[in-house]
Amino acid sequence: VTARSNDGGIDVRGTLVVGDVIRTRLAVQVKRWKNNVQAPVVQQVRGSLGTHEQGLIITTSDFSKGAREEATRANATPVGLMNGEQLVDLLIQNEIGITLTPLQLIQLYTPAKEEL
């Protein structure tokens, strides 16, 4: 976790390890917003990336069309985007911050008219 400084809003810097084969330096900015994240935030994150570093923005809301376009702009370092739905899906998938409780579904049998 980065301290408040001239970090361009980056909240976390680390190394993403995939299958013990791929190691990617990652800079993450987290936004707990109600409104959609706009393109300038994507530009700010991209401008804060170090050499050979990938960017990721995680938000509890969503991204504007402009932010999505900016994140994948040609000839620019791509910035990954994770919205609130994707974040919740990831937390559920990895059972982080949740408790799974199996439910038993009981359905009443309703006979057809012919059976009455």
PDB file of N, CA and C in Angstrom:
ATOM      1  N   VAL A   1       0.856  -1.165   0.000  1.00  0.00           N
ATOM      2  CA  VAL A   1       0.000   0.000   0.000  1.00  0.00           C
ATOM      3  C   VAL A   1       0.898   1.223   0.000  1.00  0.00           C
ATOM      4  N   THR A   2       0.588   2.160  -0.889  1.00  0.00           N
ATOM      5  CA  THR A   2       1.439   3.343  -0.988  1.00  0.00           C
ATOM      6  C   THR A   2       0.951   4.427  -0.038  1.00  0.00           C
ATOM      7  N   ALA A   3       1.884   5.184   0.516  1.00  0.00           N
ATOM      8  CA  ALA A   3       1.536   6.312   1.365  1.00  0.00           C
ATOM      9  C   ALA A   3       1.145   7.484   0.485  1.00  0.00           C
ATOM     10  N   ARG A   4       0.441   8.450   1.081  1.00  0.00           N
ATOM     11  CA  ARG A   4       0.069   9.637   0.317  1.00  0.00           C
ATOM     12  C   ARG A   4       1.327  10.387  -0.084  1.00  0.00           C
ATOM     13  N   SER A   5       1.500  10.540  -1.364  1.00  0.00           N
ATOM     14  CA  SER A   5       2.666  11.254  -1.882  1.00  0.00           C
ATOM     15  C   SER A   5       2.363  11.599  -3.322  1.00  0.00           C
ATOM     16  N   ASN A   6       3.382  11.784  -4.103  1.00  0.00           N
ATOM     17  CA  ASN A   6       3.197  12.079  -5.518  1.00  0.00           C
ATOM     18  C   ASN A   6       3.088  10.760  -6.288  1.00  0.00           C
ATOM     19  N   ASP A   7       2.108   9.928  -5.887  1.00  0.00           N
ATOM     20  CA  ASP A   7       1.965   8.604  -6.492  1.00  0.00           C
ATOM     21  C   ASP A   7       0.901   8.570  -7.575  1.00  0.00           C
ATOM     22  N   GLY A   8       0.316   9.720  -7.893  1.00  0.00           N
ATOM     23  CA  GLY A   8      -0.697   9.772  -8.947  1.00  0.00           C
ATOM     24  C   GLY A   8      -1.972   9.051  -8.571  1.00  0.00           C
ATOM     25  N   GLY A   9      -2.218   8.887  -7.271  1.00  0.00           N
ATOM     26  CA  GLY A   9      -3.440   8.233  -6.832  1.00  0.00           C
ATOM     27  C   GLY A   9      -3.347   6.729  -6.734  1.00  0.00           C
ATOM     28  N   ILE A  10      -2.176   6.165  -6.985  1.00  0.00           N
ATOM     29  CA  ILE A  10      -2.006   4.713  -6.901  1.00  0.00           C
ATOM     30  C   ILE A  10      -2.140   4.290  -5.437  1.00  0.00           C
ATOM     31  N   ASP A  11      -2.988   3.293  -5.184  1.00  0.00           N
ATOM     32  CA  ASP A  11      -3.221   2.812  -3.824  1.00  0.00           C
ATOM     33  C   ASP A  11      -2.365   1.600  -3.470  1.00  0.00           C
ATOM     34  N   VAL A  12      -2.093   0.742  -4.443  1.00  0.00           N
ATOM     35  CA  VAL A  12      -1.337  -0.487  -4.197  1.00  0.00           C
ATOM     36  C   VAL A  12      -0.383  -0.729  -5.356  1.00  0.00           C
ATOM     37  N   ARG A  13       0.836  -1.103  -5.041  1.00  0.00           N
ATOM     38  CA  ARG A  13       1.794  -1.564  -6.045  1.00  0.00           C
ATOM     39  C   ARG A  13       2.255  -2.948  -5.617  1.00  0.00           C
ATOM     40  N   GLY A  14       2.301  -3.857  -6.580  1.00  0.00           N
ATOM     41  CA  GLY A  14       2.704  -5.212  -6.240  1.00  0.00           C
ATOM     42  C   GLY A  14       3.036  -6.004  -7.485  1.00  0.00           C
ATOM     43  N   THR A  15       3.219  -7.295  -7.294  1.00  0.00           N
ATOM     44  CA  THR A  15       3.520  -8.195  -8.398  1.00  0.00           C
ATOM     45  C   THR A  15       2.417  -9.232  -8.493  1.00  0.00           C
ATOM     46  N   LEU A  16       1.808  -9.324  -9.654  1.00  0.00           N
ATOM     47  CA  LEU A  16       0.785 -10.326  -9.926  1.00  0.00           C
ATOM     48  C   LEU A  16       1.488 -11.558 -10.470  1.00  0.00           C
ATOM     49  N   VAL A  17       1.305 -12.689  -9.796  1.00  0.00           N
ATOM     50  CA  VAL A  17       1.926 -13.945 -10.220  1.00  0.00           C
ATOM     51  C   VAL A  17       0.831 -14.850 -10.761  1.00  0.00           C
ATOM     52  N   VAL A  18       1.009 -15.308 -11.993  1.00  0.00           N
ATOM     53  CA  VAL A  18       0.033 -16.181 -12.638  1.00  0.00           C
ATOM     54  C   VAL A  18       0.675 -17.544 -12.864  1.00  0.00           C
ATOM     55  N   GLY A  19       0.142 -18.555 -12.186  1.00  0.00           N
ATOM     56  CA  GLY A  19       0.624 -19.924 -12.380  1.00  0.00           C
ATOM     57  C   GLY A  19       2.094 -20.119 -12.100  1.00  0.00           C
ATOM     58  N   ASP A  20       2.676 -19.292 -11.259  1.00  0.00           N
ATOM     59  CA  ASP A  20       4.095 -19.369 -10.926  1.00  0.00           C
ATOM     60  C   ASP A  20       4.983 -19.281 -12.166  1.00  0.00           C
ATOM     61  N   VAL A  21       4.430 -18.715 -13.247  1.00  0.00           N
ATOM     62  CA  VAL A  21       5.178 -18.594 -14.501  1.00  0.00           C
ATOM     63  C   VAL A  21       5.318 -17.131 -14.904  1.00  0.00           C
ATOM     64  N   ILE A  22       4.231 -16.400 -14.821  1.00  0.00           N
ATOM     65  CA  ILE A  22       4.212 -15.007 -15.270  1.00  0.00           C
ATOM     66  C   ILE A  22       4.207 -14.086 -14.058  1.00  0.00           C
ATOM     67  N   ARG A  23       5.076 -13.097 -14.088  1.00  0.00           N
ATOM     68  CA  ARG A  23       5.132 -12.086 -13.031  1.00  0.00           C
ATOM     69  C   ARG A  23       4.991 -10.719 -13.689  1.00  0.00           C
ATOM     70  N   THR A  24       3.984  -9.985 -13.261  1.00  0.00           N
ATOM     71  CA  THR A  24       3.711  -8.671 -13.829  1.00  0.00           C
ATOM     72  C   THR A  24       3.632  -7.645 -12.710  1.00  0.00           C
ATOM     73  N   ARG A  25       4.370  -6.562 -12.864  1.00  0.00           N
ATOM     74  CA  ARG A  25       4.280  -5.465 -11.899  1.00  0.00           C
ATOM     75  C   ARG A  25       2.952  -4.760 -12.119  1.00  0.00           C
ATOM     76  N   LEU A  26       2.240  -4.480 -11.031  1.00  0.00           N
ATOM     77  CA  LEU A  26       0.890  -3.949 -11.120  1.00  0.00           C
ATOM     78  C   LEU A  26       0.729  -2.744 -10.210  1.00  0.00           C
ATOM     79  N   ALA A  27       0.092  -1.703 -10.739  1.00  0.00           N
ATOM     80  CA  ALA A  27      -0.264  -0.526  -9.952  1.00  0.00           C
ATOM     81  C   ALA A  27      -1.784  -0.443  -9.943  1.00  0.00           C
ATOM     82  N   VAL A  28      -2.367  -0.392  -8.750  1.00  0.00           N
ATOM     83  CA  VAL A  28      -3.824  -0.451  -8.609  1.00  0.00           C
ATOM     84  C   VAL A  28      -4.343   0.816  -7.945  1.00  0.00           C
ATOM     85  N   GLN A  29      -5.405   1.347  -8.505  1.00  0.00           N
ATOM     86  CA  GLN A  29      -6.120   2.454  -7.871  1.00  0.00           C
ATOM     87  C   GLN A  29      -7.531   1.970  -7.572  1.00  0.00           C
ATOM     88  N   VAL A  30      -7.990   2.217  -6.352  1.00  0.00           N
ATOM     89  CA  VAL A  30      -9.307   1.761  -5.918  1.00  0.00           C
ATOM     90  C   VAL A  30     -10.198   2.974  -5.688  1.00  0.00           C
ATOM     91  N   LYS A  31     -11.421   2.909  -6.232  1.00  0.00           N
ATOM     92  CA  LYS A  31     -12.370   4.016  -6.108  1.00  0.00           C
ATOM     93  C   LYS A  31     -13.665   3.505  -5.497  1.00  0.00           C
ATOM     94  N   ARG A  32     -14.013   4.015  -4.336  1.00  0.00           N
ATOM     95  CA  ARG A  32     -15.304   3.694  -3.713  1.00  0.00           C
ATOM     96  C   ARG A  32     -16.247   4.853  -4.024  1.00  0.00           C
ATOM     97  N   TRP A  33     -16.828   4.781  -5.194  1.00  0.00           N
ATOM     98  CA  TRP A  33     -17.657   5.868  -5.706  1.00  0.00           C
ATOM     99  C   TRP A  33     -19.055   5.381  -6.019  1.00  0.00           C
ATOM    100  N   LYS A  34     -20.005   6.325  -5.992  1.00  0.00           N
ATOM    101  CA  LYS A  34     -21.363   6.040  -6.475  1.00  0.00           C
ATOM    102  C   LYS A  34     -21.448   6.364  -7.960  1.00  0.00           C
ATOM    103  N   ASN A  35     -20.734   7.402  -8.382  1.00  0.00           N
ATOM    104  CA  ASN A  35     -20.756   7.814  -9.790  1.00  0.00           C
ATOM    105  C   ASN A  35     -19.735   7.021 -10.596  1.00  0.00           C
ATOM    106  N   ASN A  36     -19.960   6.946 -11.901  1.00  0.00           N
ATOM    107  CA  ASN A  36     -19.038   6.238 -12.792  1.00  0.00           C
ATOM    108  C   ASN A  36     -17.669   6.911 -12.825  1.00  0.00           C
ATOM    109  N   VAL A  37     -16.637   6.104 -12.936  1.00  0.00           N
ATOM    110  CA  VAL A  37     -15.270   6.603 -13.087  1.00  0.00           C
ATOM    111  C   VAL A  37     -15.130   7.123 -14.518  1.00  0.00           C
ATOM    112  N   GLN A  38     -14.524   8.297 -14.659  1.00  0.00           N
ATOM    113  CA  GLN A  38     -14.401   8.966 -15.956  1.00  0.00           C
ATOM    114  C   GLN A  38     -12.988   8.797 -16.537  1.00  0.00           C
ATOM    115  N   ALA A  39     -12.835   9.158 -17.793  1.00  0.00           N
ATOM    116  CA  ALA A  39     -11.576   9.007 -18.536  1.00  0.00           C
ATOM    117  C   ALA A  39     -10.363   9.664 -17.863  1.00  0.00           C
ATOM    118  N   PRO A  40     -10.492  10.857 -17.250  1.00  0.00           N
ATOM    119  CA  PRO A  40      -9.303  11.462 -16.631  1.00  0.00           C
ATOM    120  C   PRO A  40      -8.651  10.585 -15.554  1.00  0.00           C
ATOM    121  N   VAL A  41      -9.442   9.770 -14.861  1.00  0.00           N
ATOM    122  CA  VAL A  41      -8.870   8.870 -13.850  1.00  0.00           C
ATOM    123  C   VAL A  41      -7.991   7.826 -14.535  1.00  0.00           C
ATOM    124  N   VAL A  42      -8.452   7.304 -15.658  1.00  0.00           N
ATOM    125  CA  VAL A  42      -7.666   6.324 -16.420  1.00  0.00           C
ATOM    126  C   VAL A  42      -6.368   6.972 -16.898  1.00  0.00           C
ATOM    127  N   GLN A  43      -6.456   8.196 -17.390  1.00  0.00           N
ATOM    128  CA  GLN A  43      -5.267   8.920 -17.851  1.00  0.00           C
ATOM    129  C   GLN A  43      -4.290   9.142 -16.697  1.00  0.00           C
ATOM    130  N   GLN A  44      -4.825   9.476 -15.522  1.00  0.00           N
ATOM    131  CA  GLN A  44      -3.977   9.712 -14.349  1.00  0.00           C
ATOM    132  C   GLN A  44      -3.242   8.433 -13.941  1.00  0.00           C
ATOM    133  N   VAL A  45      -3.958   7.318 -13.932  1.00  0.00           N
ATOM    134  CA  VAL A  45      -3.321   6.048 -13.572  1.00  0.00           C
ATOM    135  C   VAL A  45      -2.244   5.702 -14.589  1.00  0.00           C
ATOM    136  N   ARG A  46      -2.561   5.831 -15.867  1.00  0.00           N
ATOM    137  CA  ARG A  46      -1.578   5.518 -16.914  1.00  0.00           C
ATOM    138  C   ARG A  46      -0.333   6.385 -16.751  1.00  0.00           C
ATOM    139  N   GLY A  47      -0.521   7.651 -16.447  1.00  0.00           N
ATOM    140  CA  GLY A  47       0.605   8.565 -16.273  1.00  0.00           C
ATOM    141  C   GLY A  47       1.448   8.254 -15.046  1.00  0.00           C
ATOM    142  N   SER A  48       0.888   7.501 -14.108  1.00  0.00           N
ATOM    143  CA  SER A  48       1.598   7.158 -12.873  1.00  0.00           C
ATOM    144  C   SER A  48       2.329   5.825 -12.948  1.00  0.00           C
ATOM    145  N   LEU A  49       2.161   5.106 -14.062  1.00  0.00           N
ATOM    146  CA  LEU A  49       2.773   3.784 -14.183  1.00  0.00           C
ATOM    147  C   LEU A  49       4.278   3.882 -14.349  1.00  0.00           C
ATOM    148  N   GLY A  50       4.970   2.971 -13.686  1.00  0.00           N
ATOM    149  CA  GLY A  50       6.410   2.876 -13.843  1.00  0.00           C
ATOM    150  C   GLY A  50       6.746   2.044 -15.069  1.00  0.00           C
ATOM    151  N   THR A  51       8.035   1.902 -15.319  1.00  0.00           N
ATOM    152  CA  THR A  51       8.497   1.098 -16.441  1.00  0.00           C
ATOM    153  C   THR A  51       8.036  -0.344 -16.274  1.00  0.00           C
ATOM    154  N   HIS A  52       7.497  -0.915 -17.338  1.00  0.00           N
ATOM    155  CA  HIS A  52       7.024  -2.309 -17.352  1.00  0.00           C
ATOM    156  C   HIS A  52       5.973  -2.583 -16.277  1.00  0.00           C
ATOM    157  N   GLU A  53       5.140  -1.596 -15.990  1.00  0.00           N
ATOM    158  CA  GLU A  53       4.100  -1.750 -14.978  1.00  0.00           C
ATOM    159  C   GLU A  53       2.734  -1.670 -15.654  1.00  0.00           C
ATOM    160  N   GLN A  54       1.810  -2.512 -15.235  1.00  0.00           N
ATOM    161  CA  GLN A  54       0.441  -2.499 -15.743  1.00  0.00           C
ATOM    162  C   GLN A  54      -0.439  -1.769 -14.737  1.00  0.00           C
ATOM    163  N   GLY A  55      -1.513  -1.165 -15.230  1.00  0.00           N
ATOM    164  CA  GLY A  55      -2.433  -0.451 -14.358  1.00  0.00           C
ATOM    165  C   GLY A  55      -3.761  -1.171 -14.240  1.00  0.00           C
ATOM    166  N   LEU A  56      -4.400  -1.022 -13.083  1.00  0.00           N
ATOM    167  CA  LEU A  56      -5.723  -1.586 -12.836  1.00  0.00           C
ATOM    168  C   LEU A  56      -6.502  -0.608 -11.970  1.00  0.00           C
ATOM    169  N   ILE A  57      -7.736  -0.325 -12.379  1.00  0.00           N
ATOM    170  CA  ILE A  57      -8.627   0.506 -11.574  1.00  0.00           C
ATOM    171  C   ILE A  57      -9.787  -0.375 -11.132  1.00  0.00           C
ATOM    172  N   ILE A  58     -10.041  -0.393  -9.827  1.00  0.00           N
ATOM    173  CA  ILE A  58     -11.151  -1.156  -9.263  1.00  0.00           C
ATOM    174  C   ILE A  58     -12.115  -0.152  -8.649  1.00  0.00           C
ATOM    175  N   THR A  59     -13.398  -0.272  -8.987  1.00  0.00           N
ATOM    176  CA  THR A  59     -14.392   0.638  -8.431  1.00  0.00           C
ATOM    177  C   THR A  59     -15.613  -0.124  -7.946  1.00  0.00           C
ATOM    178  N   THR A  60     -16.294   0.459  -6.978  1.00  0.00           N
ATOM    179  CA  THR A  60     -17.550  -0.114  -6.511  1.00  0.00           C
ATOM    180  C   THR A  60     -18.694   0.283  -7.434  1.00  0.00           C
ATOM    181  N   SER A  61     -18.445   1.227  -8.327  1.00  0.00           N
ATOM    182  CA  SER A  61     -19.483   1.676  -9.264  1.00  0.00           C
ATOM    183  C   SER A  61     -19.227   1.058 -10.633  1.00  0.00           C
ATOM    184  N   ASP A  62     -19.079   1.896 -11.650  1.00  0.00           N
ATOM    185  CA  ASP A  62     -18.833   1.417 -13.010  1.00  0.00           C
ATOM    186  C   ASP A  62     -17.958   2.442 -13.721  1.00  0.00           C
ATOM    187  N   PHE A  63     -17.745   2.241 -15.006  1.00  0.00           N
ATOM    188  CA  PHE A  63     -16.899   3.123 -15.805  1.00  0.00           C
ATOM    189  C   PHE A  63     -17.728   3.752 -16.913  1.00  0.00           C
ATOM    190  N   SER A  64     -17.442   5.009 -17.194  1.00  0.00           N
ATOM    191  CA  SER A  64     -18.120   5.682 -18.305  1.00  0.00           C
ATOM    192  C   SER A  64     -17.618   5.100 -19.624  1.00  0.00           C
ATOM    193  N   LYS A  65     -18.362   5.362 -20.680  1.00  0.00           N
ATOM    194  CA  LYS A  65     -17.938   4.918 -22.016  1.00  0.00           C
ATOM    195  C   LYS A  65     -16.562   5.505 -22.336  1.00  0.00           C
ATOM    196  N   GLY A  66     -16.368   6.774 -21.997  1.00  0.00           N
ATOM    197  CA  GLY A  66     -15.087   7.430 -22.251  1.00  0.00           C
ATOM    198  C   GLY A  66     -13.936   6.774 -21.502  1.00  0.00           C
ATOM    199  N   ALA A  67     -14.189   6.345 -20.259  1.00  0.00           N
ATOM    200  CA  ALA A  67     -13.149   5.671 -19.473  1.00  0.00           C
ATOM    201  C   ALA A  67     -12.795   4.329 -20.101  1.00  0.00           C
ATOM    202  N   ARG A  68     -13.811   3.609 -20.567  1.00  0.00           N
ATOM    203  CA  ARG A  68     -13.562   2.305 -21.212  1.00  0.00           C
ATOM    204  C   ARG A  68     -12.747   2.485 -22.498  1.00  0.00           C
ATOM    205  N   GLU A  69     -13.095   3.512 -23.266  1.00  0.00           N
ATOM    206  CA  GLU A  69     -12.354   3.786 -24.507  1.00  0.00           C
ATOM    207  C   GLU A  69     -10.915   4.185 -24.197  1.00  0.00           C
ATOM    208  N   GLU A  70     -10.747   5.027 -23.179  1.00  0.00           N
ATOM    209  CA  GLU A  70      -9.405   5.485 -22.803  1.00  0.00           C
ATOM    210  C   GLU A  70      -8.548   4.317 -22.316  1.00  0.00           C
ATOM    211  N   ALA A  71      -9.148   3.382 -21.603  1.00  0.00           N
ATOM    212  CA  ALA A  71      -8.400   2.245 -21.055  1.00  0.00           C
ATOM    213  C   ALA A  71      -7.816   1.358 -22.142  1.00  0.00           C
ATOM    214  N   THR A  72      -8.444   1.363 -23.324  1.00  0.00           N
ATOM    215  CA  THR A  72      -7.982   0.499 -24.425  1.00  0.00           C
ATOM    216  C   THR A  72      -7.507   1.303 -25.632  1.00  0.00           C
ATOM    217  N   ARG A  73      -7.189   2.578 -25.414  1.00  0.00           N
ATOM    218  CA  ARG A  73      -6.764   3.454 -26.513  1.00  0.00           C
ATOM    219  C   ARG A  73      -5.534   2.883 -27.211  1.00  0.00           C
ATOM    220  N   ALA A  74      -5.565   2.935 -28.550  1.00  0.00           N
ATOM    221  CA  ALA A  74      -4.447   2.432 -29.365  1.00  0.00           C
ATOM    222  C   ALA A  74      -3.163   3.193 -29.039  1.00  0.00           C
ATOM    223  N   ASN A  75      -2.053   2.508 -29.101  1.00  0.00           N
ATOM    224  CA  ASN A  75      -0.718   3.077 -28.871  1.00  0.00           C
ATOM    225  C   ASN A  75      -0.535   3.647 -27.467  1.00  0.00           C
ATOM    226  N   ALA A  76      -1.309   3.150 -26.515  1.00  0.00           N
ATOM    227  CA  ALA A  76      -1.154   3.563 -25.118  1.00  0.00           C
ATOM    228  C   ALA A  76      -1.158   2.298 -24.261  1.00  0.00           C
ATOM    229  N   THR A  77      -0.490   2.362 -23.132  1.00  0.00           N
ATOM    230  CA  THR A  77      -0.485   1.210 -22.229  1.00  0.00           C
ATOM    231  C   THR A  77      -1.910   0.924 -21.781  1.00  0.00           C
ATOM    232  N   PRO A  78      -2.397  -0.299 -21.992  1.00  0.00           N
ATOM    233  CA  PRO A  78      -3.760  -0.614 -21.558  1.00  0.00           C
ATOM    234  C   PRO A  78      -3.881  -0.558 -20.032  1.00  0.00           C
ATOM    235  N   VAL A  79      -5.036  -0.144 -19.564  1.00  0.00           N
ATOM    236  CA  VAL A  79      -5.320  -0.111 -18.133  1.00  0.00           C
ATOM    237  C   VAL A  79      -6.522  -1.018 -17.894  1.00  0.00           C
ATOM    238  N   GLY A  80      -6.369  -1.987 -16.997  1.00  0.00           N
ATOM    239  CA  GLY A  80      -7.467  -2.895 -16.684  1.00  0.00           C
ATOM    240  C   GLY A  80      -8.532  -2.197 -15.856  1.00  0.00           C
ATOM    241  N   LEU A  81      -9.777  -2.571 -16.078  1.00  0.00           N
ATOM    242  CA  LEU A  81     -10.902  -1.980 -15.355  1.00  0.00           C
ATOM    243  C   LEU A  81     -11.722  -3.092 -14.702  1.00  0.00           C
ATOM    244  N   MET A  82     -12.029  -2.935 -13.418  1.00  0.00           N
ATOM    245  CA  MET A  82     -12.893  -3.883 -12.716  1.00  0.00           C
ATOM    246  C   MET A  82     -13.999  -3.086 -12.032  1.00  0.00           C
ATOM    247  N   ASN A  83     -15.260  -3.334 -12.461  1.00  0.00           N
ATOM    248  CA  ASN A  83     -16.373  -2.596 -11.868  1.00  0.00           C
ATOM    249  C   ASN A  83     -16.915  -3.327 -10.635  1.00  0.00           C
ATOM    250  N   GLY A  84     -17.929  -2.738 -10.016  1.00  0.00           N
ATOM    251  CA  GLY A  84     -18.489  -3.292  -8.787  1.00  0.00           C
ATOM    252  C   GLY A  84     -19.009  -4.706  -8.935  1.00  0.00           C
ATOM    253  N   GLU A  85     -19.708  -4.991 -10.034  1.00  0.00           N
ATOM    254  CA  GLU A  85     -20.230  -6.348 -10.260  1.00  0.00           C
ATOM    255  C   GLU A  85     -19.096  -7.360 -10.370  1.00  0.00           C
ATOM    256  N   GLN A  86     -18.072  -7.009 -11.131  1.00  0.00           N
ATOM    257  CA  GLN A  86     -16.928  -7.912 -11.291  1.00  0.00           C
ATOM    258  C   GLN A  86     -16.214  -8.127  -9.958  1.00  0.00           C
ATOM    259  N   LEU A  87     -16.132  -7.072  -9.161  1.00  0.00           N
ATOM    260  CA  LEU A  87     -15.494  -7.177  -7.848  1.00  0.00           C
ATOM    261  C   LEU A  87     -16.273  -8.140  -6.954  1.00  0.00           C
ATOM    262  N   VAL A  88     -17.590  -7.992  -6.919  1.00  0.00           N
ATOM    263  CA  VAL A  88     -18.419  -8.884  -6.104  1.00  0.00           C
ATOM    264  C   VAL A  88     -18.285 -10.325  -6.586  1.00  0.00           C
ATOM    265  N   ASP A  89     -18.325 -10.529  -7.905  1.00  0.00           N
ATOM    266  CA  ASP A  89     -18.159 -11.883  -8.453  1.00  0.00           C
ATOM    267  C   ASP A  89     -16.825 -12.495  -8.025  1.00  0.00           C
ATOM    268  N   LEU A  90     -15.756 -11.702  -8.057  1.00  0.00           N
ATOM    269  CA  LEU A  90     -14.432 -12.187  -7.659  1.00  0.00           C
ATOM    270  C   LEU A  90     -14.404 -12.547  -6.170  1.00  0.00           C
ATOM    271  N   LEU A  91     -15.020 -11.710  -5.341  1.00  0.00           N
ATOM    272  CA  LEU A  91     -15.068 -11.986  -3.905  1.00  0.00           C
ATOM    273  C   LEU A  91     -15.850 -13.267  -3.620  1.00  0.00           C
ATOM    274  N   ILE A  92     -16.981 -13.446  -4.309  1.00  0.00           N
ATOM    275  CA  ILE A  92     -17.783 -14.662  -4.126  1.00  0.00           C
ATOM    276  C   ILE A  92     -17.001 -15.885  -4.594  1.00  0.00           C
ATOM    277  N   GLN A  93     -16.400 -15.779  -5.765  1.00  0.00           N
ATOM    278  CA  GLN A  93     -15.637 -16.899  -6.341  1.00  0.00           C
ATOM    279  C   GLN A  93     -14.536 -17.369  -5.392  1.00  0.00           C
ATOM    280  N   ASN A  94     -13.917 -16.427  -4.702  1.00  0.00           N
ATOM    281  CA  ASN A  94     -12.809 -16.760  -3.803  1.00  0.00           C
ATOM    282  C   ASN A  94     -13.228 -16.810  -2.333  1.00  0.00           C
ATOM    283  N   GLU A  95     -14.540 -16.712  -2.096  1.00  0.00           N
ATOM    284  CA  GLU A  95     -15.112 -16.767  -0.750  1.00  0.00           C
ATOM    285  C   GLU A  95     -14.424 -15.797   0.206  1.00  0.00           C
ATOM    286  N   ILE A  96     -14.280 -14.552  -0.245  1.00  0.00           N
ATOM    287  CA  ILE A  96     -13.662 -13.506   0.561  1.00  0.00           C
ATOM    288  C   ILE A  96     -14.769 -12.590   1.077  1.00  0.00           C
ATOM    289  N   GLY A  97     -14.849 -12.446   2.396  1.00  0.00           N
ATOM    290  CA  GLY A  97     -15.827 -11.542   2.990  1.00  0.00           C
ATOM    291  C   GLY A  97     -17.262 -12.039   2.920  1.00  0.00           C
ATOM    292  N   ILE A  98     -17.449 -13.321   2.666  1.00  0.00           N
ATOM    293  CA  ILE A  98     -18.800 -13.871   2.572  1.00  0.00           C
ATOM    294  C   ILE A  98     -18.864 -15.193   3.328  1.00  0.00           C
ATOM    295  N   THR A  99     -20.077 -15.606   3.625  1.00  0.00           N
ATOM    296  CA  THR A  99     -20.320 -16.929   4.177  1.00  0.00           C
ATOM    297  C   THR A  99     -21.352 -17.596   3.291  1.00  0.00           C
ATOM    298  N   LEU A 100     -21.028 -18.770   2.777  1.00  0.00           N
ATOM    299  CA  LEU A 100     -21.973 -19.512   1.950  1.00  0.00           C
ATOM    300  C   LEU A 100     -22.856 -20.361   2.856  1.00  0.00           C
ATOM    301  N   THR A 101     -24.165 -20.201   2.708  1.00  0.00           N
ATOM    302  CA  THR A 101     -25.124 -20.969   3.484  1.00  0.00           C
ATOM    303  C   THR A 101     -26.017 -21.733   2.530  1.00  0.00           C
ATOM    304  N   PRO A 102     -25.944 -23.079   2.539  1.00  0.00           N
ATOM    305  CA  PRO A 102     -26.811 -23.847   1.646  1.00  0.00           C
ATOM    306  C   PRO A 102     -28.271 -23.685   2.064  1.00  0.00           C
ATOM    307  N   LEU A 103     -29.138 -23.582   1.097  1.00  0.00           N
ATOM    308  CA  LEU A 103     -30.568 -23.450   1.355  1.00  0.00           C
ATOM    309  C   LEU A 103     -31.292 -24.672   0.831  1.00  0.00           C
ATOM    310  N   GLN A 104     -32.363 -25.043   1.523  1.00  0.00           N
ATOM    311  CA  GLN A 104     -33.195 -26.142   1.066  1.00  0.00           C
ATOM    312  C   GLN A 104     -34.453 -25.528   0.471  1.00  0.00           C
ATOM    313  N   LEU A 105     -34.738 -25.863  -0.775  1.00  0.00           N
ATOM    314  CA  LEU A 105     -35.901 -25.329  -1.471  1.00  0.00           C
ATOM    315  C   LEU A 105     -37.029 -26.342  -1.382  1.00  0.00           C
ATOM    316  N   ILE A 106     -38.152 -25.900  -0.853  1.00  0.00           N
ATOM    317  CA  ILE A 106     -39.329 -26.757  -0.749  1.00  0.00           C
ATOM    318  C   ILE A 106     -40.369 -26.233  -1.723  1.00  0.00           C
ATOM    319  N   GLN A 107     -40.845 -27.111  -2.613  1.00  0.00           N
ATOM    320  CA  GLN A 107     -41.872 -26.730  -3.573  1.00  0.00           C
ATOM    321  C   GLN A 107     -43.122 -27.540  -3.289  1.00  0.00           C
ATOM    322  N   LEU A 108     -44.246 -26.856  -3.250  1.00  0.00           N
ATOM    323  CA  LEU A 108     -45.518 -27.536  -3.046  1.00  0.00           C
ATOM    324  C   LEU A 108     -45.985 -28.142  -4.352  1.00  0.00           C
ATOM    325  N   TYR A 109     -46.504 -29.331  -4.247  1.00  0.00           N
ATOM    326  CA  TYR A 109     -47.048 -30.010  -5.419  1.00  0.00           C
ATOM    327  C   TYR A 109     -48.453 -29.493  -5.653  1.00  0.00           C
ATOM    328  N   THR A 110     -48.713 -29.015  -6.847  1.00  0.00           N
ATOM    329  CA  THR A 110     -50.067 -28.581  -7.213  1.00  0.00           C
ATOM    330  C   THR A 110     -50.588 -29.528  -8.277  1.00  0.00           C
ATOM    331  N   PRO A 111     -51.580 -30.312  -7.937  1.00  0.00           N
ATOM    332  CA  PRO A 111     -52.107 -31.265  -8.916  1.00  0.00           C
ATOM    333  C   PRO A 111     -52.794 -30.556 -10.078  1.00  0.00           C
ATOM    334  N   ALA A 112     -52.709 -31.171 -11.245  1.00  0.00           N
ATOM    335  CA  ALA A 112     -53.404 -30.642 -12.423  1.00  0.00           C
ATOM    336  C   ALA A 112     -54.903 -30.833 -12.226  1.00  0.00           C
ATOM    337  N   LYS A 113     -55.709 -30.056 -12.970  1.00  0.00           N
ATOM    338  CA  LYS A 113     -57.170 -30.130 -12.859  1.00  0.00           C
ATOM    339  C   LYS A 113     -57.685 -31.557 -13.023  1.00  0.00           C
ATOM    340  N   GLU A 114     -57.077 -32.288 -13.944  1.00  0.00           N
ATOM    341  CA  GLU A 114     -57.527 -33.653 -14.224  1.00  0.00           C
ATOM    342  C   GLU A 114     -57.362 -34.561 -13.013  1.00  0.00           C
ATOM    343  N   GLU A 115     -56.410 -34.249 -12.152  1.00  0.00           N
ATOM    344  CA  GLU A 115     -56.135 -35.097 -10.998  1.00  0.00           C
ATOM    345  C   GLU A 115     -57.075 -34.821  -9.836  1.00  0.00           C
ATOM    346  N   LEU A 116     -57.812 -33.737  -9.888  1.00  0.00           N
ATOM    347  CA  LEU A 116     -58.697 -33.378  -8.773  1.00  0.00           C
ATOM    348  C   LEU A 116     -59.990 -34.117  -8.795  1.00  0.00           C
TER     349      LEU A 116
END
